Amino acid sequence: MDNCVIHFLFYINVWRCRTISELMINEQIRDREIRLIGENGEQLGIMSAKDAMKLAREAELDLVKIAPTAKPPVCKIIDYGKYRYELARKEKEARKKQKTIEIKEVRLSPNIDVNDLNTKVASARKFLTKGNKVKVSLRFRGREMAHMQASRYILEDFAKSLEDVAAIDKPIKQEGRSLTLFLMEKRS
């Protein structure tokens, strides 16, 4: 009975370690054998976790499990605080270089007038020049559903009026009670 409790507590402790940080460090590493990489990147071979921990303490650094799924798991002797800082900095740089593209929607109805259509074209042009994609949806209600294909020309005219700044990303497609068209900024 006591043995089951100890195993249960051990599994809870291991689970807790994985949720606090993705990588296991120092005493959290419980594997019998590990492949060790030194602080300068040299291969130190396969050894027990206790021996690797002694080497890490002698160097006044941390033992970090880099590849837990490998056979045997790969651990490295590094300064854990510095390692986490470098990872966070690289992630921040990657996010800074990443460009997010939003999808803006312009809704039309089958009986839209010319001036209203021009206003919607102007707002779509503004979205496209800012680098966003535009979803143009032509919504049908009630009896309008019988004339869906006859109203397709509205979306085609919309795309033609924006062809100087926009290219068709996804062609006209029926989605339930509406026809949709995706436009994106034209590449120079």
N, C-alpha and C. Protein backbone atom coordinates (compact mmCIF):
# COMPACT_ATOMS: atom_id res chain seq x y z
N MET A 1 0.83 -1.21 0.00
CA MET A 1 0.00 0.00 0.00
C MET A 1 0.86 1.25 0.00
N ASP A 2 1.88 1.28 0.87
CA ASP A 2 2.76 2.45 0.95
C ASP A 2 3.54 2.64 -0.34
N ASN A 3 3.91 1.54 -0.99
CA ASN A 3 4.64 1.59 -2.24
C ASN A 3 3.81 2.27 -3.33
N CYS A 4 2.49 1.98 -3.37
CA CYS A 4 1.59 2.61 -4.35
C CYS A 4 1.51 4.11 -4.13
N VAL A 5 1.47 4.51 -2.86
CA VAL A 5 1.39 5.95 -2.54
C VAL A 5 2.65 6.65 -3.01
N ILE A 6 3.80 6.03 -2.80
CA ILE A 6 5.07 6.64 -3.21
C ILE A 6 5.11 6.80 -4.73
N HIS A 7 4.68 5.77 -5.47
CA HIS A 7 4.65 5.87 -6.93
C HIS A 7 3.70 6.97 -7.38
N PHE A 8 2.54 7.05 -6.73
CA PHE A 8 1.56 8.07 -7.07
C PHE A 8 2.13 9.46 -6.85
N LEU A 9 2.79 9.67 -5.71
CA LEU A 9 3.40 10.98 -5.42
C LEU A 9 4.52 11.29 -6.41
N PHE A 10 5.28 10.26 -6.79
CA PHE A 10 6.35 10.46 -7.76
C PHE A 10 5.78 10.94 -9.09
N TYR A 11 4.68 10.31 -9.57
CA TYR A 11 4.09 10.71 -10.84
C TYR A 11 3.50 12.10 -10.77
N ILE A 12 2.91 12.47 -9.64
CA ILE A 12 2.38 13.83 -9.48
C ILE A 12 3.54 14.83 -9.54
N ASN A 13 4.65 14.50 -8.87
CA ASN A 13 5.81 15.39 -8.84
C ASN A 13 6.39 15.56 -10.25
N VAL A 14 6.50 14.47 -11.01
CA VAL A 14 7.02 14.56 -12.38
C VAL A 14 6.07 15.39 -13.23
N TRP A 15 4.77 15.18 -13.07
CA TRP A 15 3.78 15.95 -13.83
C TRP A 15 3.91 17.42 -13.50
N ARG A 16 4.08 17.74 -12.22
CA ARG A 16 4.20 19.14 -11.80
C ARG A 16 5.44 19.77 -12.40
N CYS A 17 6.52 19.03 -12.46
CA CYS A 17 7.77 19.56 -13.03
C CYS A 17 7.59 19.89 -14.50
N ARG A 18 6.85 19.07 -15.21
CA ARG A 18 6.66 19.32 -16.63
C ARG A 18 5.75 20.51 -16.88
N THR A 19 4.82 20.79 -15.96
CA THR A 19 3.92 21.91 -16.19
C THR A 19 4.58 23.23 -15.81
N ILE A 20 5.47 23.22 -14.83
CA ILE A 20 6.13 24.46 -14.43
C ILE A 20 7.12 24.89 -15.51
N SER A 21 7.96 23.99 -15.96
CA SER A 21 8.88 24.31 -17.06
C SER A 21 8.90 23.13 -18.03
N GLU A 22 9.12 23.44 -19.29
CA GLU A 22 9.08 22.41 -20.32
C GLU A 22 10.25 21.44 -20.17
N LEU A 23 11.39 21.94 -19.69
CA LEU A 23 12.59 21.13 -19.60
C LEU A 23 12.85 20.71 -18.16
N MET A 24 13.30 19.47 -18.01
CA MET A 24 13.65 19.00 -16.67
C MET A 24 15.10 19.39 -16.39
N ILE A 25 15.35 19.85 -15.16
CA ILE A 25 16.71 20.26 -14.80
C ILE A 25 17.13 19.57 -13.51
N ASN A 26 18.43 19.43 -13.36
CA ASN A 26 19.10 18.91 -12.17
C ASN A 26 18.43 17.67 -11.56
N GLU A 27 17.89 17.76 -10.34
CA GLU A 27 17.34 16.60 -9.63
C GLU A 27 16.05 16.07 -10.25
N GLN A 28 15.43 16.81 -11.14
CA GLN A 28 14.21 16.34 -11.80
C GLN A 28 14.51 15.22 -12.79
N ILE A 29 15.74 15.11 -13.23
CA ILE A 29 16.14 14.08 -14.19
C ILE A 29 16.32 12.77 -13.44
N ARG A 30 15.46 11.80 -13.71
CA ARG A 30 15.45 10.54 -12.96
C ARG A 30 15.82 9.34 -13.84
N ASP A 31 16.33 9.57 -15.04
CA ASP A 31 16.67 8.46 -15.93
C ASP A 31 17.91 7.73 -15.43
N ARG A 32 17.96 6.43 -15.73
CA ARG A 32 19.10 5.62 -15.29
C ARG A 32 20.34 6.00 -16.10
N GLU A 33 20.20 6.08 -17.43
CA GLU A 33 21.32 6.44 -18.30
C GLU A 33 20.93 7.63 -19.17
N ILE A 34 21.88 8.52 -19.40
CA ILE A 34 21.66 9.68 -20.27
C ILE A 34 22.87 9.87 -21.18
N ARG A 35 22.68 10.54 -22.28
CA ARG A 35 23.79 10.94 -23.15
C ARG A 35 24.12 12.38 -22.77
N LEU A 36 25.35 12.64 -22.42
CA LEU A 36 25.73 13.95 -21.89
C LEU A 36 26.51 14.76 -22.92
N ILE A 37 26.15 16.03 -23.01
CA ILE A 37 26.87 17.00 -23.85
C ILE A 37 27.45 18.04 -22.90
N GLY A 38 28.72 18.33 -23.07
CA GLY A 38 29.41 19.27 -22.18
C GLY A 38 29.01 20.71 -22.43
N GLU A 39 29.56 21.61 -21.60
CA GLU A 39 29.19 23.03 -21.71
C GLU A 39 29.70 23.68 -23.00
N ASN A 40 30.74 23.13 -23.60
CA ASN A 40 31.26 23.67 -24.86
C ASN A 40 30.73 22.94 -26.09
N GLY A 41 29.78 22.01 -25.89
CA GLY A 41 29.17 21.30 -27.00
C GLY A 41 29.82 19.98 -27.32
N GLU A 42 30.83 19.54 -26.54
CA GLU A 42 31.50 18.27 -26.83
C GLU A 42 30.71 17.11 -26.24
N GLN A 43 30.75 15.96 -26.93
CA GLN A 43 30.06 14.75 -26.48
C GLN A 43 30.86 14.12 -25.35
N LEU A 44 30.22 13.92 -24.20
CA LEU A 44 30.90 13.29 -23.06
C LEU A 44 30.49 11.82 -22.91
N GLY A 45 29.56 11.37 -23.76
CA GLY A 45 29.19 9.96 -23.78
C GLY A 45 27.96 9.63 -22.96
N ILE A 46 27.70 8.32 -22.85
CA ILE A 46 26.55 7.83 -22.09
C ILE A 46 27.01 7.51 -20.68
N MET A 47 26.27 8.03 -19.69
CA MET A 47 26.61 7.81 -18.28
C MET A 47 25.36 7.89 -17.43
N SER A 48 25.49 7.62 -16.16
CA SER A 48 24.34 7.69 -15.26
C SER A 48 24.01 9.15 -14.96
N ALA A 49 22.78 9.39 -14.57
CA ALA A 49 22.34 10.76 -14.27
C ALA A 49 23.09 11.32 -13.07
N LYS A 50 23.44 10.44 -12.10
CA LYS A 50 24.17 10.90 -10.90
C LYS A 50 25.56 11.42 -11.27
N ASP A 51 26.26 10.69 -12.14
CA ASP A 51 27.59 11.11 -12.57
C ASP A 51 27.52 12.43 -13.34
N ALA A 52 26.50 12.55 -14.19
CA ALA A 52 26.33 13.79 -14.97
C ALA A 52 26.02 14.96 -14.04
N MET A 53 25.24 14.69 -12.99
CA MET A 53 24.92 15.74 -12.03
C MET A 53 26.17 16.21 -11.28
N LYS A 54 27.07 15.25 -10.96
CA LYS A 54 28.33 15.60 -10.30
C LYS A 54 29.17 16.51 -11.20
N LEU A 55 29.24 16.16 -12.49
CA LEU A 55 30.01 16.99 -13.43
C LEU A 55 29.42 18.39 -13.54
N ALA A 56 28.10 18.49 -13.54
CA ALA A 56 27.44 19.80 -13.63
C ALA A 56 27.72 20.63 -12.39
N ARG A 57 27.69 19.99 -11.21
CA ARG A 57 27.98 20.72 -9.96
C ARG A 57 29.42 21.21 -9.92
N GLU A 58 30.34 20.39 -10.42
CA GLU A 58 31.75 20.79 -10.45
C GLU A 58 31.96 22.01 -11.34
N ALA A 59 31.20 22.08 -12.42
CA ALA A 59 31.31 23.22 -13.34
C ALA A 59 30.45 24.40 -12.86
N GLU A 60 29.71 24.22 -11.75
CA GLU A 60 28.80 25.23 -11.19
C GLU A 60 27.74 25.67 -12.22
N LEU A 61 27.24 24.66 -12.95
CA LEU A 61 26.18 24.89 -13.94
C LEU A 61 25.04 23.91 -13.70
N ASP A 62 24.03 23.94 -14.58
CA ASP A 62 22.87 23.07 -14.44
C ASP A 62 22.91 21.95 -15.46
N LEU A 63 22.28 20.83 -15.10
CA LEU A 63 22.11 19.71 -16.01
C LEU A 63 20.68 19.81 -16.55
N VAL A 64 20.53 19.99 -17.88
CA VAL A 64 19.22 20.21 -18.48
C VAL A 64 18.96 19.10 -19.50
N LYS A 65 17.74 18.51 -19.42
CA LYS A 65 17.36 17.46 -20.37
C LYS A 65 16.86 18.15 -21.64
N ILE A 66 17.65 18.07 -22.71
CA ILE A 66 17.37 18.75 -23.97
C ILE A 66 16.39 17.94 -24.83
N ALA A 67 16.65 16.64 -24.97
CA ALA A 67 15.83 15.77 -25.82
C ALA A 67 15.31 14.59 -24.98
N PRO A 68 14.14 14.74 -24.34
CA PRO A 68 13.65 13.68 -23.47
C PRO A 68 13.17 12.43 -24.20
N THR A 69 12.82 12.53 -25.48
CA THR A 69 12.29 11.38 -26.21
C THR A 69 13.37 10.51 -26.84
N ALA A 70 14.61 10.98 -26.86
CA ALA A 70 15.70 10.21 -27.47
C ALA A 70 16.02 8.99 -26.60
N LYS A 71 16.66 7.99 -27.20
CA LYS A 71 17.08 6.79 -26.48
C LYS A 71 18.59 6.73 -26.49
N PRO A 72 19.30 6.89 -25.43
CA PRO A 72 18.90 7.44 -24.13
C PRO A 72 18.67 8.95 -24.22
N PRO A 73 17.97 9.53 -23.24
CA PRO A 73 17.68 10.98 -23.28
C PRO A 73 18.98 11.81 -23.31
N VAL A 74 18.92 12.93 -24.01
CA VAL A 74 20.10 13.78 -24.15
C VAL A 74 20.02 14.92 -23.14
N CYS A 75 21.10 15.08 -22.36
CA CYS A 75 21.18 16.15 -21.37
C CYS A 75 22.42 17.00 -21.69
N LYS A 76 22.37 18.25 -21.26
CA LYS A 76 23.46 19.16 -21.54
C LYS A 76 23.80 19.96 -20.29
N ILE A 77 25.07 20.23 -20.11
CA ILE A 77 25.50 21.06 -18.97
C ILE A 77 25.54 22.51 -19.45
N ILE A 78 24.62 23.32 -18.93
CA ILE A 78 24.53 24.73 -19.32
C ILE A 78 24.05 25.57 -18.14
N ASP A 79 24.15 26.88 -18.27
CA ASP A 79 23.56 27.80 -17.29
C ASP A 79 22.09 27.95 -17.67
N TYR A 80 21.19 27.39 -16.84
CA TYR A 80 19.77 27.31 -17.19
C TYR A 80 19.13 28.69 -17.31
N GLY A 81 19.47 29.61 -16.43
CA GLY A 81 18.90 30.97 -16.48
C GLY A 81 19.26 31.67 -17.78
N LYS A 82 20.51 31.55 -18.18
CA LYS A 82 20.98 32.16 -19.43
C LYS A 82 20.30 31.50 -20.64
N TYR A 83 20.14 30.18 -20.56
CA TYR A 83 19.49 29.42 -21.64
C TYR A 83 18.05 29.88 -21.83
N ARG A 84 17.30 30.01 -20.72
CA ARG A 84 15.90 30.46 -20.80
C ARG A 84 15.82 31.89 -21.35
N TYR A 85 16.77 32.73 -20.94
CA TYR A 85 16.80 34.11 -21.43
C TYR A 85 17.01 34.14 -22.94
N GLU A 86 17.95 33.33 -23.43
CA GLU A 86 18.23 33.28 -24.87
C GLU A 86 17.02 32.78 -25.66
N LEU A 87 16.33 31.74 -25.13
CA LEU A 87 15.13 31.23 -25.80
C LEU A 87 14.04 32.31 -25.87
N ALA A 88 13.84 33.03 -24.77
CA ALA A 88 12.82 34.08 -24.75
C ALA A 88 13.17 35.19 -25.72
N ARG A 89 14.44 35.55 -25.81
CA ARG A 89 14.87 36.61 -26.72
C ARG A 89 14.68 36.20 -28.18
N LYS A 90 15.02 34.96 -28.52
CA LYS A 90 14.83 34.47 -29.89
C LYS A 90 13.35 34.44 -30.26
N GLU A 91 12.52 34.02 -29.31
CA GLU A 91 11.08 33.97 -29.56
C GLU A 91 10.51 35.38 -29.78
N LYS A 92 11.00 36.33 -29.00
CA LYS A 92 10.56 37.72 -29.14
C LYS A 92 10.97 38.29 -30.50
N GLU A 93 12.19 37.99 -30.94
CA GLU A 93 12.68 38.45 -32.24
C GLU A 93 11.85 37.84 -33.37
N ALA A 94 11.50 36.56 -33.23
CA ALA A 94 10.70 35.89 -34.26
C ALA A 94 9.32 36.52 -34.35
N ARG A 95 8.74 36.87 -33.19
CA ARG A 95 7.42 37.50 -33.19
C ARG A 95 7.48 38.90 -33.79
N LYS A 96 8.59 39.60 -33.58
CA LYS A 96 8.74 40.96 -34.11
C LYS A 96 8.79 40.94 -35.63
N LYS A 97 9.45 39.93 -36.20
CA LYS A 97 9.59 39.84 -37.66
C LYS A 97 8.34 39.29 -38.33
N GLN A 98 7.48 38.65 -37.54
CA GLN A 98 6.28 38.04 -38.09
C GLN A 98 5.23 39.10 -38.39
N LYS A 99 4.63 39.00 -39.56
CA LYS A 99 3.60 39.95 -39.95
C LYS A 99 2.24 39.28 -39.87
N THR A 100 1.32 39.89 -39.12
CA THR A 100 -0.01 39.32 -38.99
C THR A 100 -0.93 39.94 -40.03
N ILE A 101 -1.66 39.09 -40.71
CA ILE A 101 -2.60 39.55 -41.73
C ILE A 101 -4.01 39.29 -41.22
N GLU A 102 -4.78 40.35 -41.12
CA GLU A 102 -6.16 40.20 -40.67
C GLU A 102 -7.06 40.06 -41.88
N ILE A 103 -8.20 39.43 -41.66
CA ILE A 103 -9.22 39.31 -42.71
C ILE A 103 -10.36 40.24 -42.34
N LYS A 104 -10.57 41.25 -43.15
CA LYS A 104 -11.66 42.20 -42.95
C LYS A 104 -12.82 41.76 -43.84
N GLU A 105 -14.04 41.96 -43.36
CA GLU A 105 -15.20 41.53 -44.13
C GLU A 105 -16.02 42.72 -44.59
N VAL A 106 -16.45 42.65 -45.85
CA VAL A 106 -17.36 43.64 -46.43
C VAL A 106 -18.61 42.87 -46.83
N ARG A 107 -19.76 43.26 -46.26
CA ARG A 107 -21.02 42.57 -46.55
C ARG A 107 -21.85 43.35 -47.55
N LEU A 108 -22.35 42.64 -48.53
CA LEU A 108 -23.20 43.23 -49.56
C LEU A 108 -24.55 42.51 -49.57
N SER A 109 -25.55 43.15 -50.16
CA SER A 109 -26.83 42.48 -50.36
C SER A 109 -27.14 42.48 -51.86
N PRO A 110 -27.99 41.59 -52.34
CA PRO A 110 -28.24 41.48 -53.78
C PRO A 110 -28.87 42.72 -54.41
N ASN A 111 -29.58 43.50 -53.63
CA ASN A 111 -30.22 44.70 -54.20
C ASN A 111 -29.48 45.98 -53.78
N ILE A 112 -28.15 45.92 -53.79
CA ILE A 112 -27.34 47.08 -53.42
C ILE A 112 -27.32 48.09 -54.57
N ASP A 113 -27.34 49.37 -54.22
CA ASP A 113 -27.33 50.43 -55.22
C ASP A 113 -25.88 50.78 -55.59
N VAL A 114 -25.68 51.50 -56.67
CA VAL A 114 -24.36 51.82 -57.19
C VAL A 114 -23.55 52.63 -56.19
N ASN A 115 -24.14 53.65 -55.58
CA ASN A 115 -23.40 54.50 -54.63
C ASN A 115 -23.00 53.71 -53.38
N ASP A 116 -23.90 52.84 -52.91
CA ASP A 116 -23.56 52.01 -51.76
C ASP A 116 -22.41 51.05 -52.10
N LEU A 117 -22.46 50.52 -53.31
CA LEU A 117 -21.40 49.62 -53.76
C LEU A 117 -20.06 50.36 -53.84
N ASN A 118 -20.08 51.61 -54.32
CA ASN A 118 -18.85 52.41 -54.39
C ASN A 118 -18.29 52.69 -53.00
N THR A 119 -19.16 52.91 -52.02
CA THR A 119 -18.71 53.13 -50.64
C THR A 119 -18.03 51.87 -50.11
N LYS A 120 -18.61 50.71 -50.37
CA LYS A 120 -18.03 49.43 -49.93
C LYS A 120 -16.70 49.17 -50.63
N VAL A 121 -16.60 49.54 -51.91
CA VAL A 121 -15.35 49.38 -52.66
C VAL A 121 -14.27 50.26 -52.04
N ALA A 122 -14.63 51.48 -51.66
CA ALA A 122 -13.66 52.40 -51.04
C ALA A 122 -13.14 51.85 -49.71
N SER A 123 -14.04 51.28 -48.91
CA SER A 123 -13.59 50.73 -47.63
C SER A 123 -12.72 49.48 -47.85
N ALA A 124 -13.06 48.67 -48.83
CA ALA A 124 -12.24 47.50 -49.14
C ALA A 124 -10.86 47.92 -49.65
N ARG A 125 -10.82 48.98 -50.46
CA ARG A 125 -9.55 49.51 -50.97
C ARG A 125 -8.66 49.96 -49.81
N LYS A 126 -9.27 50.59 -48.80
CA LYS A 126 -8.53 51.05 -47.62
C LYS A 126 -7.95 49.85 -46.86
N PHE A 127 -8.75 48.79 -46.69
CA PHE A 127 -8.27 47.60 -46.00
C PHE A 127 -7.12 46.96 -46.75
N LEU A 128 -7.24 46.88 -48.07
CA LEU A 128 -6.20 46.24 -48.89
C LEU A 128 -4.90 47.01 -48.86
N THR A 129 -4.96 48.35 -48.88
CA THR A 129 -3.72 49.14 -48.86
C THR A 129 -3.01 49.04 -47.52
N LYS A 130 -3.75 48.69 -46.46
CA LYS A 130 -3.12 48.48 -45.15
C LYS A 130 -2.51 47.08 -45.03
N GLY A 131 -2.70 46.24 -46.04
CA GLY A 131 -2.09 44.91 -46.06
C GLY A 131 -3.00 43.80 -45.57
N ASN A 132 -4.26 44.08 -45.35
CA ASN A 132 -5.19 43.05 -44.90
C ASN A 132 -5.84 42.33 -46.08
N LYS A 133 -6.35 41.14 -45.83
CA LYS A 133 -7.16 40.44 -46.82
C LYS A 133 -8.59 40.90 -46.62
N VAL A 134 -9.39 40.82 -47.67
CA VAL A 134 -10.79 41.24 -47.60
C VAL A 134 -11.68 40.09 -48.03
N LYS A 135 -12.66 39.80 -47.18
CA LYS A 135 -13.68 38.80 -47.50
C LYS A 135 -14.93 39.57 -47.89
N VAL A 136 -15.36 39.41 -49.13
CA VAL A 136 -16.57 40.08 -49.62
C VAL A 136 -17.66 39.04 -49.62
N SER A 137 -18.70 39.29 -48.83
CA SER A 137 -19.80 38.32 -48.79
C SER A 137 -21.10 38.96 -49.25
N LEU A 138 -21.78 38.26 -50.11
CA LEU A 138 -23.07 38.68 -50.67
C LEU A 138 -24.12 37.80 -50.01
N ARG A 139 -24.90 38.40 -49.07
CA ARG A 139 -25.84 37.64 -48.25
C ARG A 139 -27.24 37.66 -48.85
N PHE A 140 -27.87 36.49 -48.81
CA PHE A 140 -29.22 36.34 -49.35
C PHE A 140 -30.19 35.98 -48.23
N ARG A 141 -31.42 36.55 -48.33
CA ARG A 141 -32.46 36.24 -47.34
C ARG A 141 -33.77 35.93 -48.06
N GLY A 142 -34.48 34.96 -47.54
CA GLY A 142 -35.82 34.64 -48.04
C GLY A 142 -35.87 34.30 -49.52
N ARG A 143 -36.70 35.06 -50.27
CA ARG A 143 -36.92 34.82 -51.69
C ARG A 143 -35.68 35.11 -52.54
N GLU A 144 -34.72 35.87 -51.97
CA GLU A 144 -33.49 36.18 -52.71
C GLU A 144 -32.68 34.92 -53.00
N MET A 145 -32.90 33.87 -52.19
CA MET A 145 -32.15 32.61 -52.36
C MET A 145 -32.40 31.98 -53.73
N ALA A 146 -33.53 32.25 -54.34
CA ALA A 146 -33.85 31.67 -55.65
C ALA A 146 -33.00 32.28 -56.76
N HIS A 147 -32.42 33.45 -56.52
CA HIS A 147 -31.65 34.16 -57.56
C HIS A 147 -30.18 34.31 -57.20
N MET A 148 -29.63 33.32 -56.52
CA MET A 148 -28.23 33.41 -56.09
C MET A 148 -27.27 33.54 -57.26
N GLN A 149 -27.37 32.66 -58.24
CA GLN A 149 -26.43 32.66 -59.35
C GLN A 149 -26.60 33.89 -60.25
N ALA A 150 -27.81 34.45 -60.29
CA ALA A 150 -28.05 35.64 -61.10
C ALA A 150 -27.40 36.87 -60.48
N SER A 151 -27.17 36.85 -59.17
CA SER A 151 -26.55 37.99 -58.47
C SER A 151 -25.03 37.88 -58.38
N ARG A 152 -24.48 36.85 -58.98
CA ARG A 152 -23.03 36.62 -58.95
C ARG A 152 -22.26 37.79 -59.57
N TYR A 153 -22.87 38.49 -60.51
CA TYR A 153 -22.21 39.60 -61.20
C TYR A 153 -21.82 40.72 -60.23
N ILE A 154 -22.51 40.86 -59.11
CA ILE A 154 -22.19 41.92 -58.13
C ILE A 154 -20.78 41.70 -57.59
N LEU A 155 -20.45 40.47 -57.23
CA LEU A 155 -19.11 40.16 -56.73
C LEU A 155 -18.06 40.31 -57.84
N GLU A 156 -18.41 39.92 -59.06
CA GLU A 156 -17.48 40.06 -60.17
C GLU A 156 -17.18 41.54 -60.44
N ASP A 157 -18.21 42.38 -60.40
CA ASP A 157 -18.01 43.83 -60.58
C ASP A 157 -17.17 44.42 -59.45
N PHE A 158 -17.41 43.93 -58.24
CA PHE A 158 -16.65 44.39 -57.07
C PHE A 158 -15.17 44.09 -57.27
N ALA A 159 -14.85 42.88 -57.71
CA ALA A 159 -13.46 42.48 -57.94
C ALA A 159 -12.84 43.29 -59.10
N LYS A 160 -13.62 43.55 -60.15
CA LYS A 160 -13.10 44.34 -61.29
C LYS A 160 -12.78 45.77 -60.88
N SER A 161 -13.61 46.35 -60.00
CA SER A 161 -13.36 47.73 -59.59
C SER A 161 -12.13 47.85 -58.68
N LEU A 162 -11.67 46.72 -58.12
CA LEU A 162 -10.48 46.74 -57.27
C LEU A 162 -9.27 46.06 -57.90
N GLU A 163 -9.34 45.72 -59.20
CA GLU A 163 -8.27 44.95 -59.80
C GLU A 163 -6.94 45.71 -59.90
N ASP A 164 -6.94 47.03 -59.73
CA ASP A 164 -5.69 47.78 -59.75
C ASP A 164 -4.89 47.59 -58.46
N VAL A 165 -5.56 47.29 -57.33
CA VAL A 165 -4.86 47.10 -56.05
C VAL A 165 -5.02 45.69 -55.49
N ALA A 166 -5.97 44.91 -56.02
CA ALA A 166 -6.27 43.60 -55.43
C ALA A 166 -6.21 42.48 -56.45
N ALA A 167 -5.88 41.30 -55.93
CA ALA A 167 -5.92 40.07 -56.72
C ALA A 167 -6.86 39.11 -56.00
N ILE A 168 -7.48 38.23 -56.76
CA ILE A 168 -8.42 37.28 -56.16
C ILE A 168 -7.62 36.18 -55.47
N ASP A 169 -7.84 36.06 -54.16
CA ASP A 169 -7.16 35.04 -53.36
C ASP A 169 -7.91 33.71 -53.46
N LYS A 170 -9.23 33.75 -53.25
CA LYS A 170 -10.08 32.57 -53.41
C LYS A 170 -11.27 32.98 -54.26
N PRO A 171 -11.60 32.22 -55.29
CA PRO A 171 -12.70 32.61 -56.18
C PRO A 171 -14.07 32.56 -55.48
N ILE A 172 -15.09 33.02 -56.19
CA ILE A 172 -16.45 33.08 -55.65
C ILE A 172 -16.91 31.67 -55.29
N LYS A 173 -17.44 31.55 -54.06
CA LYS A 173 -17.85 30.25 -53.56
C LYS A 173 -19.12 30.42 -52.74
N GLN A 174 -20.02 29.47 -52.87
CA GLN A 174 -21.26 29.52 -52.09
C GLN A 174 -21.04 28.88 -50.73
N GLU A 175 -21.38 29.63 -49.68
CA GLU A 175 -21.29 29.12 -48.30
C GLU A 175 -22.64 29.35 -47.64
N GLY A 176 -23.48 28.35 -47.66
CA GLY A 176 -24.80 28.47 -47.04
C GLY A 176 -25.67 29.48 -47.74
N ARG A 177 -26.06 30.54 -47.05
CA ARG A 177 -26.94 31.57 -47.59
C ARG A 177 -26.17 32.74 -48.21
N SER A 178 -24.89 32.56 -48.48
CA SER A 178 -24.12 33.68 -49.04
C SER A 178 -23.10 33.20 -50.06
N LEU A 179 -22.69 34.13 -50.91
CA LEU A 179 -21.59 33.91 -51.84
C LEU A 179 -20.40 34.70 -51.29
N THR A 180 -19.23 34.10 -51.27
CA THR A 180 -18.06 34.80 -50.73
C THR A 180 -16.94 34.85 -51.76
N LEU A 181 -16.12 35.87 -51.60
CA LEU A 181 -14.97 36.11 -52.46
C LEU A 181 -13.87 36.67 -51.58
N PHE A 182 -12.65 36.15 -51.69
CA PHE A 182 -11.53 36.64 -50.91
C PHE A 182 -10.58 37.40 -51.82
N LEU A 183 -10.22 38.60 -51.41
CA LEU A 183 -9.27 39.44 -52.14
C LEU A 183 -8.04 39.70 -51.28
N MET A 184 -6.89 39.80 -51.94
CA MET A 184 -5.67 40.16 -51.22
C MET A 184 -4.91 41.21 -52.00
N GLU A 185 -4.00 41.89 -51.32
CA GLU A 185 -3.25 42.97 -51.95
C GLU A 185 -2.39 42.42 -53.08
N LYS A 186 -2.38 43.15 -54.20
CA LYS A 186 -1.60 42.73 -55.37
C LYS A 186 -0.11 42.93 -55.08
N ARG A 187 0.68 41.93 -55.39
CA ARG A 187 2.14 42.03 -55.21
C ARG A 187 2.75 42.73 -56.40
N SER A 188 3.68 43.63 -56.14
CA SER A 188 4.32 44.39 -57.23
C SER A 188 5.37 43.59 -57.93
